[in-house]
Protein backbone atom coordinates (compact mmCIF):
# COMPACT_ATOMS: atom_id res chain seq x y z
CA MET A 1 24.06 266.17 36.83
CA ASN A 2 23.65 269.64 35.43
CA VAL A 3 21.61 272.29 37.17
CA LEU A 4 18.92 273.88 35.01
CA GLU A 5 19.53 277.36 33.63
CA SER A 6 16.23 278.41 35.19
CA GLU A 7 17.62 277.48 38.61
CA LYS A 8 20.87 279.34 38.06
CA ILE A 9 18.77 282.46 37.42
CA VAL A 10 17.64 282.34 41.05
CA GLY A 11 21.06 281.46 42.50
CA ILE A 12 20.72 277.67 42.80
CA GLU A 13 23.86 276.27 41.22
CA THR A 14 24.27 272.70 42.47
CA PHE A 15 22.60 269.53 43.68
CA PHE A 16 23.31 267.97 47.06
CA THR A 17 22.45 264.27 46.76
CA PRO A 18 24.83 262.21 44.57
CA PHE A 19 22.19 259.93 43.02
CA LYS A 20 20.42 260.05 39.68
CA GLY A 21 16.97 261.55 39.96
CA VAL A 22 13.64 259.94 39.15
CA GLY A 23 12.73 262.57 36.55
CA GLY A 24 9.01 263.00 36.12
CA LYS A 25 6.66 265.93 35.99
CA LEU A 26 5.18 268.04 38.77
CA ARG A 27 1.81 269.82 38.85
CA THR A 28 0.07 267.89 36.08
CA THR A 29 -3.07 268.90 37.98
CA SER A 30 -3.61 271.22 40.94
CA GLU A 31 -4.54 268.16 43.00
CA ASP A 32 -0.96 266.93 42.57
CA PHE A 33 0.28 269.66 44.91
CA ILE A 34 -1.60 269.79 48.22
CA VAL A 35 -0.33 271.95 51.07
CA ARG A 36 -1.90 272.64 54.44
CA GLU A 37 -0.53 275.04 57.02
CA VAL A 38 0.35 273.94 60.52
CA SER A 39 -0.47 277.01 62.58
CA ASN A 40 -0.88 278.32 66.09
CA TYR A 41 -4.50 279.43 66.07
CA PRO A 42 -5.46 282.68 67.85
CA SER A 43 -7.58 282.03 70.93
CA LYS A 44 -11.35 282.20 70.61
CA SER A 45 -13.39 285.14 71.88
CA ASP A 46 -17.10 285.53 71.16
CA ASP A 47 -16.75 289.32 71.11
CA GLY A 48 -13.47 289.38 69.19
CA LYS A 49 -12.95 291.97 66.46
CA TYR A 50 -11.25 289.50 64.12
CA LEU A 51 -12.85 286.70 62.13
CA ILE A 52 -10.53 283.69 61.87
CA SER A 53 -10.89 281.08 59.14
CA ASP A 54 -9.10 278.25 57.39
CA VAL A 55 -9.27 279.16 53.70
CA THR A 56 -8.80 276.39 51.15
CA THR A 57 -8.13 277.51 47.59
CA LYS A 58 -7.41 276.02 44.20
CA ASN A 59 -5.18 277.98 41.81
CA TRP A 60 -5.20 281.21 43.82
CA GLU A 61 -2.14 283.41 44.35
CA THR A 62 -2.23 284.98 47.81
CA ASN A 63 -2.17 288.66 46.78
CA LEU A 64 -4.94 288.14 44.23
CA LEU A 65 -6.99 286.25 46.81
CA VAL A 66 -6.67 289.16 49.25
CA ARG A 67 -7.72 291.59 46.54
CA GLU A 68 -10.75 289.47 45.62
CA LEU A 69 -11.76 289.16 49.27
CA SER A 70 -11.47 292.90 49.82
CA ASN A 71 -13.62 293.57 46.73
CA LYS A 72 -16.28 291.03 47.70
CA LEU A 73 -16.45 292.22 51.30
CA HIS A 74 -16.10 295.93 50.38
CA ILE A 75 -13.26 296.46 52.83
CA SER A 76 -9.64 297.58 52.70
CA ARG A 77 -6.96 294.98 52.01
CA GLN A 78 -5.24 296.12 55.21
CA ARG A 79 -8.04 294.43 57.19
CA ILE A 80 -7.08 291.00 55.82
CA ASN A 81 -4.08 289.10 57.21
CA PHE A 82 -2.60 285.66 56.60
CA ALA A 83 0.01 283.41 58.20
CA GLY A 84 1.93 282.53 55.02
CA THR A 85 1.87 282.75 51.24
CA LYS A 86 1.13 279.64 49.19
CA ASP A 87 1.76 278.22 45.73
CA LYS A 88 -0.77 279.32 43.13
CA ARG A 89 -1.05 276.05 41.21
CA ALA A 90 -2.04 273.95 44.19
CA ILE A 91 -4.76 272.98 46.61
CA ALA A 92 -3.73 275.15 49.55
CA THR A 93 -5.22 275.62 53.00
CA ARG A 94 -4.06 278.73 54.84
CA LEU A 95 -5.05 280.56 58.03
CA MET A 96 -6.48 284.06 57.57
CA SER A 97 -8.08 286.79 59.68
CA ILE A 98 -10.43 289.58 58.64
CA TYR A 99 -11.10 292.60 60.84
CA GLY A 100 -14.57 293.89 61.59
CA ILE A 101 -16.94 291.66 59.62
CA SER A 102 -19.60 289.14 60.65
CA SER A 103 -19.28 285.39 60.15
CA ASP A 104 -22.50 285.45 58.10
CA LYS A 105 -21.01 287.99 55.71
CA LEU A 106 -17.96 285.81 55.13
CA SER A 107 -19.98 282.60 54.80
CA ASN A 108 -22.28 284.13 52.21
CA ILE A 109 -19.68 285.38 49.74
CA LYS A 110 -19.03 283.18 46.72
CA ILE A 111 -15.57 282.99 45.16
CA LYS A 112 -14.75 280.25 42.68
CA ASN A 113 -12.46 277.56 44.11
CA VAL A 114 -12.36 279.16 47.56
CA LYS A 115 -13.79 277.52 50.69
CA PHE A 116 -14.02 278.96 54.24
CA GLU A 117 -13.97 276.54 57.18
CA ASN A 118 -13.59 276.57 60.97
CA ILE A 119 -14.77 280.17 61.23
CA TYR A 120 -14.65 281.78 64.69
CA ARG A 121 -13.94 285.11 66.39
CA SER A 122 -10.80 286.25 68.20
CA GLU A 123 -9.30 289.34 69.82
CA SER A 124 -6.08 288.61 67.92
CA SER A 125 -5.22 288.89 64.25
CA VAL A 126 -3.42 286.20 62.26
CA ARG A 127 0.25 287.05 61.77
CA ILE A 128 3.22 285.46 60.01
CA GLY A 129 4.31 284.19 63.43
CA ASN A 130 1.23 281.99 63.63
CA LEU A 131 2.68 279.72 60.96
CA VAL A 132 4.62 276.76 62.36
CA GLY A 133 5.11 274.79 59.16
CA ASN A 134 3.38 273.11 56.24
CA GLN A 135 2.15 269.60 55.47
CA PHE A 136 2.55 268.48 51.86
CA GLU A 137 1.13 265.74 49.67
CA ILE A 138 2.83 265.96 46.31
CA THR A 139 2.52 263.73 43.25
CA ILE A 140 5.31 263.44 40.69
CA ARG A 141 4.00 261.86 37.47
CA ASN A 142 5.48 260.55 34.22
CA ILE A 143 8.22 258.52 35.95
CA ASP A 144 9.87 255.80 33.86
CA LYS A 145 9.09 252.29 35.08
CA GLU A 146 12.81 251.53 35.24
CA ILE A 147 12.88 253.69 38.36
CA LYS A 148 12.54 251.44 41.41
CA LEU A 149 11.83 252.03 45.08
CA ILE A 150 15.53 251.62 45.83
CA ASP A 151 16.28 254.70 43.70
CA ILE A 152 13.87 256.74 45.79
CA GLU A 153 15.09 255.27 49.06
CA ASN A 154 18.72 256.07 48.21
CA ILE A 155 17.90 259.77 47.90
CA LEU A 156 15.59 259.80 50.91
CA ASN A 157 18.02 257.96 53.19
CA PHE A 158 20.87 260.24 52.15
CA ILE A 159 18.76 263.28 53.15
CA LEU A 160 17.59 261.72 56.41
CA ASP A 161 21.07 260.54 57.38
CA TYR A 162 22.47 264.01 56.70
CA GLY A 163 19.73 265.62 58.79
CA GLY A 164 17.96 267.49 56.00
CA PHE A 165 18.43 269.08 52.59
CA PRO A 166 19.78 272.45 51.37
CA ASN A 167 17.40 275.17 52.47
CA PHE A 168 17.32 276.94 49.11
CA TYR A 169 14.59 279.46 48.46
CA GLY A 170 12.40 277.82 45.83
CA ILE A 171 11.39 279.20 42.45
CA GLN A 172 8.04 280.38 43.86
CA ARG A 173 9.95 283.06 45.76
CA PHE A 174 10.98 284.59 42.44
CA GLY A 175 8.01 283.85 40.17
CA ILE A 176 7.41 280.50 38.50
CA ILE A 177 6.55 281.81 35.03
CA ARG A 178 8.50 285.07 35.24
CA PRO A 179 11.30 284.72 37.82
CA ILE A 180 12.00 288.45 38.06
CA THR A 181 11.07 289.55 41.60
CA HIS A 182 14.71 289.43 42.73
CA VAL A 183 15.79 291.41 39.66
CA VAL A 184 13.25 294.12 40.49
CA GLY A 185 14.53 294.03 44.07
CA LYS A 186 18.12 294.47 42.94
CA TYR A 187 17.23 297.55 40.90
CA ILE A 188 15.36 299.02 43.86
CA VAL A 189 18.35 298.41 46.13
CA LYS A 190 20.57 300.07 43.50
CA ASP A 191 18.18 303.07 43.43
CA ASP A 192 17.37 302.41 39.76
CA PHE A 193 13.59 302.68 39.78
CA GLU A 194 13.24 303.02 36.00
CA ASN A 195 14.75 299.60 35.41
CA ALA A 196 12.80 298.20 38.38
CA VAL A 197 9.54 299.37 36.80
CA MET A 198 10.40 298.26 33.28
CA THR A 199 11.56 294.83 34.50
CA TYR A 200 8.15 294.38 36.10
CA ILE A 201 5.83 295.76 33.40
CA GLY A 202 7.95 294.94 30.33
CA ASN A 203 10.69 292.33 30.09
CA PRO A 204 8.92 289.59 28.04
CA MET A 205 9.97 286.08 29.03
CA GLU A 206 9.60 282.71 27.37
CA GLY A 207 6.96 280.64 29.15
CA GLU A 208 4.29 283.25 29.70
CA ASP A 209 1.23 283.34 27.44
CA GLU A 210 1.79 284.58 23.92
CA GLU A 211 -0.45 287.65 24.24
CA SER A 212 1.33 288.93 27.35
CA PHE A 213 4.74 288.25 25.79
CA LYS A 214 3.91 290.30 22.68
CA LEU A 215 2.40 293.17 24.69
CA ARG A 216 5.44 293.38 26.96
CA GLU A 217 7.71 293.19 23.93
CA ARG A 218 5.89 296.07 22.29
CA LEU A 219 6.07 298.19 25.43
CA GLU A 220 9.83 297.60 25.62
CA LYS A 221 10.16 298.99 22.06
CA THR A 222 7.71 301.90 22.22
CA LYS A 223 7.61 302.99 25.89
CA ASN A 224 4.03 303.98 25.02
CA TYR A 225 2.44 303.67 28.46
CA SER A 226 -1.00 304.80 27.33
CA GLU A 227 -1.15 302.17 24.59
CA ALA A 228 0.02 299.49 27.02
CA LEU A 229 -2.55 300.53 29.63
CA ASN A 230 -5.33 300.09 27.07
CA SER A 231 -4.02 296.81 25.64
CA TYR A 232 -2.81 294.92 28.72
CA PRO A 233 -5.40 292.31 29.85
CA GLU A 234 -7.16 292.62 33.21
CA ASN A 235 -5.16 289.76 34.74
CA LEU A 236 -2.07 292.02 34.57
CA ASN A 237 -3.76 294.26 37.11
CA TYR A 238 -0.60 295.28 38.98
CA GLU A 239 1.13 296.20 35.72
CA LYS A 240 -1.92 298.28 34.76
CA ALA A 241 -1.80 300.12 38.09
CA ILE A 242 1.81 301.11 37.37
CA LEU A 243 1.01 302.05 33.78
CA ASN A 244 -1.90 304.23 34.90
CA LYS A 245 0.52 306.23 37.05
CA LEU A 246 3.08 306.51 34.25
CA VAL A 247 0.47 307.80 31.79
CA ASN A 248 0.02 310.85 34.01
CA ASN A 249 3.73 311.27 34.80
CA PRO A 250 6.04 309.22 32.55
CA LYS A 251 9.16 309.89 34.62
CA ASN A 252 7.67 309.22 38.06
CA TYR A 253 9.00 305.68 38.40
CA ILE A 254 9.10 305.85 42.18
CA GLY A 255 5.46 306.92 42.38
CA ALA A 256 4.53 304.25 39.83
CA ILE A 257 6.08 301.34 41.70
CA LYS A 258 4.55 302.59 44.96
CA GLU A 259 1.17 301.78 43.43
CA LEU A 260 1.90 298.13 44.23
CA PRO A 261 0.76 296.63 47.57
CA LYS A 262 3.26 296.94 50.41
CA ASN A 263 3.65 293.17 50.76
CA LEU A 264 4.55 292.87 47.05
CA LEU A 265 7.08 295.71 47.30
CA THR A 266 8.58 294.03 50.34
CA MET A 267 8.70 290.74 48.43
CA PHE A 268 11.00 292.33 45.83
CA ILE A 269 13.57 293.03 48.55
CA TYR A 270 13.05 289.61 50.17
CA ALA A 271 13.51 287.93 46.80
CA TYR A 272 16.80 289.69 46.16
CA GLN A 273 18.02 288.71 49.64
CA SER A 274 16.89 285.14 48.89
CA TYR A 275 18.80 285.09 45.59
CA LEU A 276 22.00 286.13 47.37
CA PHE A 277 21.38 283.51 50.08
CA ASN A 278 20.98 280.82 47.40
CA LYS A 279 24.31 281.89 45.88
CA ILE A 280 26.00 281.61 49.29
CA LEU A 281 24.57 278.16 50.00
CA SER A 282 25.45 276.95 46.49
CA GLU A 283 29.05 278.06 46.95
CA ARG A 284 29.31 276.35 50.34
CA ILE A 285 28.08 273.06 48.86
CA LYS A 286 30.42 273.34 45.87
CA ARG A 287 33.33 273.83 48.27
CA LYS A 288 32.22 270.68 50.11
CA ILE A 289 31.80 272.55 53.40
CA PRO A 290 29.17 270.73 55.49
CA PHE A 291 25.99 272.60 56.29
CA ASN A 292 24.72 270.10 58.86
CA LYS A 293 27.49 271.12 61.25
CA ALA A 294 29.51 274.25 61.94
CA ILE A 295 33.05 275.23 61.08
CA VAL A 296 35.02 277.97 62.83
CA GLY A 297 33.75 281.39 61.77
CA ASP A 298 30.16 280.27 61.12
CA MET A 299 27.20 282.09 62.62
CA ILE A 300 24.68 279.72 64.19
CA LEU A 301 21.05 280.34 65.12
CA PRO A 302 20.00 278.74 68.44
CA ILE A 303 16.53 277.29 69.00
CA ARG A 304 14.82 278.66 72.08
CA ARG A 305 11.43 277.29 73.13
CA GLY A 306 11.02 275.77 69.69
CA ILE A 307 11.63 279.08 67.87
CA ILE A 308 14.70 280.16 65.91
CA ASP A 309 16.48 283.00 67.75
CA ASN A 310 17.85 285.53 65.27
CA ASN A 311 20.57 286.58 67.73
CA ALA A 312 23.28 284.61 65.97
CA ILE A 313 26.30 283.17 67.80
CA LYS A 314 29.72 283.13 66.16
CA VAL A 315 31.58 279.82 66.20
CA SER A 316 35.12 279.80 67.58
CA GLU A 317 37.69 277.15 68.42
CA SER A 318 36.57 277.33 72.05
CA ASN A 319 32.83 276.72 71.48
CA ILE A 320 32.71 274.62 68.29
CA ASP A 321 32.29 271.26 70.06
CA LYS A 322 29.42 272.58 72.17
CA VAL A 323 27.82 274.23 69.14
CA ASN A 324 27.97 271.08 67.02
CA PHE A 325 26.49 269.04 69.87
CA GLN A 326 23.53 271.48 69.92
CA ILE A 327 23.24 271.24 66.12
CA SER A 328 23.19 267.44 66.30
CA LYS A 329 20.24 267.72 68.72
CA LYS A 330 18.40 270.10 66.36
CA LYS A 331 18.80 272.89 68.91
CA ALA A 332 20.74 275.15 66.53
CA TYR A 333 21.35 275.68 62.81
CA VAL A 334 24.27 276.94 60.75
CA SER A 335 23.11 280.11 58.97
CA GLY A 336 23.73 282.24 55.91
CA ILE A 337 23.18 285.96 55.48
CA LEU A 338 19.99 287.58 54.28
CA PHE A 339 21.80 290.80 53.44
CA GLY A 340 20.56 294.07 54.92
CA SER A 341 21.78 297.41 56.20
CA GLU A 342 23.03 295.94 59.50
CA THR A 343 24.54 292.74 58.12
CA VAL A 344 27.10 290.97 60.32
CA TYR A 345 29.37 288.70 58.30
CA SER A 346 30.68 285.30 59.29
CA ASP A 347 34.40 284.82 59.75
CA GLY A 348 36.67 282.23 58.17
CA GLU A 349 35.78 280.53 54.90
CA MET A 350 32.05 281.25 55.23
CA GLY A 351 32.82 284.93 55.70
CA GLU A 352 34.96 284.79 52.57
CA ILE A 353 32.00 283.36 50.64
CA GLU A 354 29.57 285.99 51.96
CA HIS A 355 31.93 288.87 51.11
CA LYS A 356 32.56 287.46 47.63
CA ILE A 357 28.86 287.16 46.79
CA ILE A 358 27.97 290.71 47.77
CA ASP A 359 31.16 292.15 46.23
CA ASP A 360 30.33 290.42 42.93
CA GLU A 361 26.93 292.15 43.01
CA LYS A 362 28.64 295.54 43.48
CA ILE A 363 26.36 296.54 46.33
CA ASP A 364 26.88 297.64 49.91
CA PRO A 365 24.73 296.38 52.80
CA ARG A 366 23.67 299.99 53.45
CA ASP A 367 22.03 300.00 50.03
CA PHE A 368 19.19 298.04 51.67
CA ILE A 369 18.10 301.33 53.26
CA ILE A 370 15.54 302.56 50.68
CA PRO A 371 15.04 306.31 51.33
CA ASP A 372 12.33 306.66 48.69
CA ILE A 373 10.26 303.80 50.15
CA PRO A 374 11.46 303.56 53.77
CA ARG A 375 8.91 300.92 54.75
CA ILE A 376 10.61 298.28 52.57
CA SER A 377 14.11 298.92 53.92
CA SER A 378 15.69 295.87 55.51
CA TYR A 379 18.13 295.52 58.38
CA GLY A 380 18.85 291.99 57.23
CA SER A 381 18.89 288.75 59.17
CA ARG A 382 20.16 285.18 58.87
CA HIS A 383 18.54 281.99 57.62
CA PRO A 384 19.27 278.30 58.32
CA LEU A 385 21.32 276.54 55.64
CA ILE A 386 19.53 273.23 56.20
CA SER A 387 15.88 272.26 56.18
CA ASP A 388 14.58 269.42 58.33
CA VAL A 389 11.97 267.09 56.88
CA ASP A 390 9.54 265.28 59.19
CA ASN A 391 6.84 262.62 58.98
CA ILE A 392 7.83 261.56 55.48
CA ASP A 393 6.01 258.79 53.63
CA TYR A 394 6.12 257.74 49.98
CA ASP A 395 4.46 255.45 47.48
CA LEU A 396 5.45 254.45 43.94
CA SER A 397 2.62 253.15 41.74
CA ILE A 398 1.21 253.18 38.21
CA ASP A 399 0.26 256.63 36.92
CA GLU A 400 -3.46 256.53 36.18
CA PHE A 401 -2.96 259.20 33.48
CA ASP A 402 -0.42 257.04 31.64
CA LYS A 403 -0.33 253.31 32.41
CA ASP A 404 3.13 253.04 30.84
CA LYS A 405 4.53 255.37 33.50
CA ASN A 406 4.69 255.48 37.28
CA LYS A 407 3.90 258.18 39.79
CA LEU A 408 5.54 258.98 43.12
CA VAL A 409 3.46 260.38 45.99
CA LEU A 410 5.47 262.06 48.73
CA LYS A 411 3.94 263.14 52.04
CA PHE A 412 6.03 265.18 54.46
CA GLU A 413 6.15 268.18 56.77
CA LEU A 414 8.48 271.17 56.69
CA LYS A 415 9.02 274.08 59.04
CA LYS A 416 7.92 277.55 57.93
CA GLY A 417 10.26 279.27 55.51
CA CYS A 418 11.33 275.97 53.91
CA TYR A 419 10.40 275.08 50.34
CA ALA A 420 9.03 271.71 49.27
CA THR A 421 10.36 272.33 45.76
CA SER A 422 13.90 272.51 47.14
CA MET A 423 13.53 268.92 48.34
CA LEU A 424 11.66 267.76 45.23
CA ARG A 425 14.48 268.90 42.93
CA GLU A 426 16.80 266.47 44.73
CA PHE A 427 14.41 263.64 43.88
CA MET A 428 13.65 264.73 40.31
CA LYS A 429 16.89 266.30 39.00
CA ALA A 430 15.03 266.93 35.75
CA GLY A 431 12.27 268.95 34.18
CA ASN A 432 11.86 272.62 33.55
CA ILE A 433 11.02 275.76 35.49
CA LYS A 434 7.31 274.97 35.50
CA ASN A 435 7.89 271.58 37.07
CA TYR A 436 9.35 273.08 40.20
């Protein structure tokens, strides 16, 4: 079973389950991908400065939603916070907070395909830490009728018996249509802001709409920023913000990229770290090293009061039995590096893998200190190699869009930071970059 080229671009180089996939197609409609956050809600306070709301959207990317909200409410984006980002092509319910507005003002704004529910006041803002996990209901369509329930159950039981699936960062982390956020991040880490900017505003890629492809292609050839600013459509608003800066100072690439929102700039660095993590996990699987239990030299993350503790513990001959007992009880996870300036490597074979990946990239962990944009520097951390899956249910039936095909509906729950698409690829093992 060959991994797609589009997956290799983001560091995913292998499958985990040994069975043939069901094929099919994902996201035929937005209703085929439903996700709802499981969150710790801030406590209520009638006099609270923050307005809390569940926000359900259809086909809204998080950064664009925040921008639209700030425009409609006539407030700064910095007054709007959320617990987690969500897929654009989906029905997504997320928890958000807005500082210093009335509930009437929020209730009265009209944004297409956006609904506000469970509005109340609190003294606390919504933060990333409020997110516990996500509930999914996902429909895979266009499945051949030769696929039977046993084919699905083989994959599912393999995952459940193992204790989870590889915790790859999914394609959304990198951009579904244009998977380039990690490439931009790499150039930033390498202090090459010209290539970072041109990768973002130029760099035409197959799969995007024809107009955008041609405009990016022309910019790559001409470097005419003024022409591009006038010709780029409004939906390329972040590109236009960069271009506007370059028109006034064509060599100020640092100033140009700083026109982007802080959370997007940070995402470039996160995406590059995620790409390197995917490479590490892929290599571990290819070497047939288990990721549901530790080997000597691994760094494990303990669970304390239901929360992953980032103070990793190194596995030795003397503690490995105790560590693996804790892992079997879901009280610890084997981890991989999210590289940063204070990275601590594993020992043993896992350490060899981690050193190889970063050496191949020709970077040093200290490169993650970004002097020109200090706020996006990263100390680094570690991330579990395995993702649990809970409360899973499934149903195989006739696809109402094509009676000659079947559809598979999967319902399940994942912890925060885990990608549904990373599990779906084990079931599908087919398709293209848009499917995932």
